[in-house]
């Protein structure tokens, strides 16, 4: 579609231009995964409620959460691109102040893995660290990162996963943002290529209604 779509604030944006940031993120994420084969039987029907996308496959109606699907795509990309993830240097580094030797040790253990996903950490002195770079898609705060780093009883690999999940969640297209039909259709297609059809927080990306169930709901025989 090359028309103009309404934004959640009541304004409008060009479908062709995708001037809303989250729509551009969807475009970028999908374009980067063009090498993944797509099931040709998937048919995009449309979007509704500013939140869900509809698709048809094998006589079933799929109701897809656009945010959850995009979030999972971004999360998988981030986890697979460790070591090569795009990052940006901070003009003013984050200051992370630790409260104990155990927290210093925690950061020492995480330092290499943090660097692989875009957070370059450097110890200034006991009790004080600087984060000099952040992943391009990170939209959290210094407080968000510190909270994730020092969650009690969490293994380092799970902390890295939590940071990646937050990064993906904050960068994914939001509810209420209307994607143009071409981008929405590709998001539906990519949702069916995911190995795990759940967002990083465990919510299902889509729900399915069979033809038989739909007939039952409308009392058609």
Protein backbone atom coordinates (compact mmCIF):
# COMPACT_ATOMS: atom_id res chain seq x y z
CA UNK A 1 0.00 0.00 0.00
CA UNK A 2 1.34 3.46 -0.88
CA UNK A 3 -1.28 5.46 0.98
CA UNK A 4 -1.17 7.25 4.29
CA UNK A 5 -1.92 5.50 7.57
CA UNK A 6 -3.10 6.94 10.86
CA UNK A 7 -0.70 7.03 13.78
CA UNK A 8 -1.82 6.31 17.35
CA UNK A 9 -1.55 10.01 18.21
CA UNK A 10 -4.04 10.95 15.54
CA UNK A 11 -1.48 12.16 13.00
CA UNK A 12 -0.37 10.35 9.89
CA UNK A 13 2.73 8.95 8.24
CA UNK A 14 3.60 7.86 4.72
CA UNK A 15 3.43 4.12 4.17
CA UNK A 16 6.15 4.41 1.54
CA UNK A 17 8.44 6.48 3.73
CA UNK A 18 7.90 4.55 6.97
CA UNK A 19 8.78 7.68 8.91
CA UNK A 20 7.75 6.20 12.25
CA UNK A 21 10.92 4.81 13.81
CA UNK A 22 9.49 1.46 14.88
CA UNK A 23 8.21 0.76 11.38
CA UNK A 24 11.73 1.46 10.06
CA UNK A 25 13.12 -0.98 12.63
CA UNK A 26 10.74 -3.64 11.36
CA UNK A 27 11.83 -2.96 7.80
CA UNK A 28 15.51 -3.24 8.73
CA UNK A 29 15.07 -6.42 10.74
CA UNK A 30 13.11 -8.16 8.02
CA UNK A 31 15.44 -7.07 5.24
CA UNK A 32 18.39 -8.51 7.15
CA UNK A 33 16.77 -11.95 7.20
CA UNK A 34 15.87 -12.27 3.54
CA UNK A 35 18.00 -15.38 3.28
CA UNK A 36 15.49 -17.40 5.32
CA UNK A 37 13.14 -19.42 3.11
CA UNK A 38 9.49 -18.48 3.51
CA UNK A 39 6.54 -20.84 3.23
CA UNK A 40 4.73 -19.76 0.05
CA UNK A 41 1.40 -20.98 1.45
CA UNK A 42 1.27 -18.16 3.99
CA UNK A 43 -1.18 -15.47 2.93
CA UNK A 44 -1.24 -12.05 4.58
CA UNK A 45 -4.80 -10.86 5.09
CA UNK A 46 -4.37 -7.53 6.84
CA UNK A 47 -3.91 -5.77 10.15
CA UNK A 48 -6.42 -4.74 12.78
CA UNK A 49 -6.74 -3.00 16.14
CA UNK A 50 -3.32 -1.42 15.66
CA UNK A 51 -1.85 -4.48 17.35
CA UNK A 52 -2.35 -7.70 15.41
CA UNK A 53 -1.66 -8.99 11.92
CA UNK A 54 -3.77 -11.66 10.26
CA UNK A 55 -2.54 -14.51 8.11
CA UNK A 56 -4.03 -17.63 6.55
CA UNK A 57 -2.29 -20.97 6.19
CA UNK A 58 -3.52 -24.52 5.79
CA UNK A 59 -7.18 -23.57 6.36
CA UNK A 60 -6.34 -21.82 9.62
CA UNK A 61 -6.50 -18.19 10.66
CA UNK A 62 -3.38 -16.94 12.43
CA UNK A 63 -3.66 -13.90 14.70
CA UNK A 64 -0.13 -12.52 15.11
CA UNK A 65 1.05 -10.07 17.75
CA UNK A 66 3.14 -7.62 15.70
CA UNK A 67 5.23 -6.46 18.66
CA UNK A 68 6.00 -9.98 19.90
CA UNK A 69 6.94 -11.20 16.41
CA UNK A 70 9.25 -8.27 15.73
CA UNK A 71 10.70 -8.54 19.24
CA UNK A 72 11.63 -12.20 18.68
CA UNK A 73 13.25 -11.41 15.33
CA UNK A 74 15.39 -8.69 16.90
CA UNK A 75 16.26 -10.87 19.90
CA UNK A 76 17.39 -13.78 17.72
CA UNK A 77 19.49 -11.45 15.58
CA UNK A 78 21.14 -9.92 18.63
CA UNK A 79 21.95 -13.30 20.20
CA UNK A 80 23.38 -14.63 16.92
CA UNK A 81 25.46 -11.52 16.22
CA UNK A 82 27.42 -11.53 19.48
CA UNK A 83 30.86 -10.09 18.78
CA UNK A 84 29.69 -8.28 15.64
CA UNK A 85 26.65 -6.46 17.00
CA UNK A 86 26.58 -2.79 15.88
CA UNK A 87 27.35 -0.43 18.73
CA UNK A 88 27.69 3.25 19.44
CA UNK A 89 30.23 5.03 21.62
CA UNK A 90 28.86 7.05 24.53
CA UNK A 91 30.06 10.63 24.75
CA UNK A 92 29.47 10.40 28.49
CA UNK A 93 29.99 6.79 29.63
CA UNK A 94 27.53 5.12 31.97
CA UNK A 95 28.84 5.11 35.53
CA UNK A 96 28.14 1.80 37.26
CA UNK A 97 28.95 1.88 40.96
CA UNK A 98 29.13 -1.49 42.65
CA UNK A 99 28.23 -2.03 46.27
CA UNK A 100 30.42 -5.00 47.11
CA UNK A 101 33.38 -7.06 46.01
CA UNK A 102 30.97 -9.72 44.77
CA UNK A 103 29.40 -7.20 42.37
CA UNK A 104 32.88 -6.28 41.09
CA UNK A 105 33.54 -9.97 40.54
CA UNK A 106 30.20 -10.33 38.77
CA UNK A 107 31.15 -7.60 36.30
CA UNK A 108 34.58 -9.14 35.76
CA UNK A 109 32.90 -12.42 34.80
CA UNK A 110 30.45 -10.64 32.49
CA UNK A 111 32.89 -8.19 30.89
CA UNK A 112 33.75 -10.27 27.83
CA UNK A 113 30.17 -11.36 27.15
CA UNK A 114 28.90 -7.81 27.62
CA UNK A 115 31.40 -6.64 25.01
CA UNK A 116 30.18 -9.28 22.56
CA UNK A 117 26.67 -7.81 22.55
CA UNK A 118 27.80 -4.20 22.43
CA UNK A 119 28.46 -3.07 26.02
CA UNK A 120 32.17 -2.25 26.46
CA UNK A 121 32.84 -2.27 30.21
CA UNK A 122 35.98 -0.97 31.89
CA UNK A 123 36.91 -1.03 35.56
CA UNK A 124 38.01 2.41 36.78
CA UNK A 125 38.71 1.32 40.33
CA UNK A 126 37.19 -0.93 42.98
CA UNK A 127 33.52 -0.07 43.17
CA UNK A 128 33.41 1.94 39.93
CA UNK A 129 32.98 0.88 36.31
CA UNK A 130 32.32 2.68 33.05
CA UNK A 131 30.25 1.42 30.13
CA UNK A 132 31.77 3.08 27.06
CA UNK A 133 29.62 1.65 24.27
CA UNK A 134 26.05 0.39 23.97
CA UNK A 135 24.30 -1.67 21.28
CA UNK A 136 22.77 0.43 18.49
CA UNK A 137 19.29 -0.75 19.42
CA UNK A 138 19.64 -0.23 23.18
CA UNK A 139 17.09 2.32 24.39
CA UNK A 140 17.30 1.54 28.09
CA UNK A 141 18.91 3.69 30.73
CA UNK A 142 21.98 3.40 32.96
CA UNK A 143 19.61 2.34 35.74
CA UNK A 144 18.04 -0.38 33.53
CA UNK A 145 21.45 -1.86 32.78
CA UNK A 146 22.57 -1.81 36.40
CA UNK A 147 19.33 -3.51 37.48
CA UNK A 148 19.86 -6.30 34.95
CA UNK A 149 23.52 -6.75 35.86
CA UNK A 150 22.93 -7.33 39.53
CA UNK A 151 19.84 -9.49 39.60
CA UNK A 152 20.41 -11.98 42.40
CA UNK A 153 21.08 -15.63 41.68
CA UNK A 154 21.11 -15.26 37.90
CA UNK A 155 23.78 -17.00 35.79
CA UNK A 156 25.91 -14.73 33.56
CA UNK A 157 24.46 -16.20 30.37
CA UNK A 158 20.95 -15.45 31.64
CA UNK A 159 21.94 -11.86 32.41
CA UNK A 160 23.17 -11.48 28.82
CA UNK A 161 19.90 -12.99 27.61
CA UNK A 162 17.89 -10.56 29.78
CA UNK A 163 19.81 -7.59 28.40
CA UNK A 164 19.22 -8.80 24.83
CA UNK A 165 15.52 -9.31 25.59
CA UNK A 166 15.16 -5.78 26.98
CA UNK A 167 17.01 -4.33 23.99
CA UNK A 168 14.71 -6.18 21.56
CA UNK A 169 11.56 -5.26 23.48
CA UNK A 170 12.34 -1.55 23.52
CA UNK A 171 13.32 -1.50 19.85
CA UNK A 172 10.40 -3.56 18.47
CA UNK A 173 7.44 -1.98 16.74
CA UNK A 174 4.91 -0.87 19.33
CA UNK A 175 1.20 -1.56 19.64
CA UNK A 176 -0.75 1.11 17.81
CA UNK A 177 1.85 1.72 15.10
CA UNK A 178 0.32 0.89 11.73
CA UNK A 179 2.77 -0.82 9.38
CA UNK A 180 2.37 -0.51 5.63
CA UNK A 181 1.01 -3.67 3.99
CA UNK A 182 4.32 -4.75 2.44
CA UNK A 183 6.24 -4.61 5.72
CA UNK A 184 3.36 -6.19 7.64
CA UNK A 185 3.14 -9.04 5.12
CA UNK A 186 6.86 -9.78 5.46
CA UNK A 187 6.62 -9.68 9.25
CA UNK A 188 3.86 -12.31 9.03
CA UNK A 189 6.04 -14.45 6.75
CA UNK A 190 9.06 -14.19 9.04
CA UNK A 191 6.95 -15.06 12.08
CA UNK A 192 6.44 -18.50 10.53
CA UNK A 193 10.19 -19.06 10.10
CA UNK A 194 11.04 -18.60 13.78
CA UNK A 195 12.33 -21.69 15.56
CA UNK A 196 10.63 -20.57 18.78
CA UNK A 197 7.27 -18.83 18.20
CA UNK A 198 7.40 -16.98 21.52
CA UNK A 199 8.71 -13.57 22.46
CA UNK A 200 11.84 -13.58 24.69
CA UNK A 201 9.57 -13.23 27.73
CA UNK A 202 7.61 -16.37 26.86
CA UNK A 203 4.43 -14.94 25.33
CA UNK A 204 3.17 -16.71 22.19
CA UNK A 205 3.68 -14.76 18.98
CA UNK A 206 0.41 -15.94 17.50
CA UNK A 207 -2.76 -17.83 18.20
CA UNK A 208 -4.51 -20.10 15.72
CA UNK A 209 -8.17 -20.61 14.88
CA UNK A 210 -8.97 -23.53 12.61
CA UNK A 211 -11.71 -23.35 9.98
CA UNK A 212 -13.73 -25.82 12.03
CA UNK A 213 -13.35 -23.78 15.20
CA UNK A 214 -14.33 -20.59 13.40
CA UNK A 215 -17.46 -22.27 12.05
CA UNK A 216 -18.23 -23.47 15.57
CA UNK A 217 -17.86 -19.94 16.96
CA UNK A 218 -20.34 -18.51 14.47
CA UNK A 219 -22.60 -21.58 14.87
CA UNK A 220 -22.22 -22.58 11.26
CA UNK A 221 -22.44 -26.23 10.31
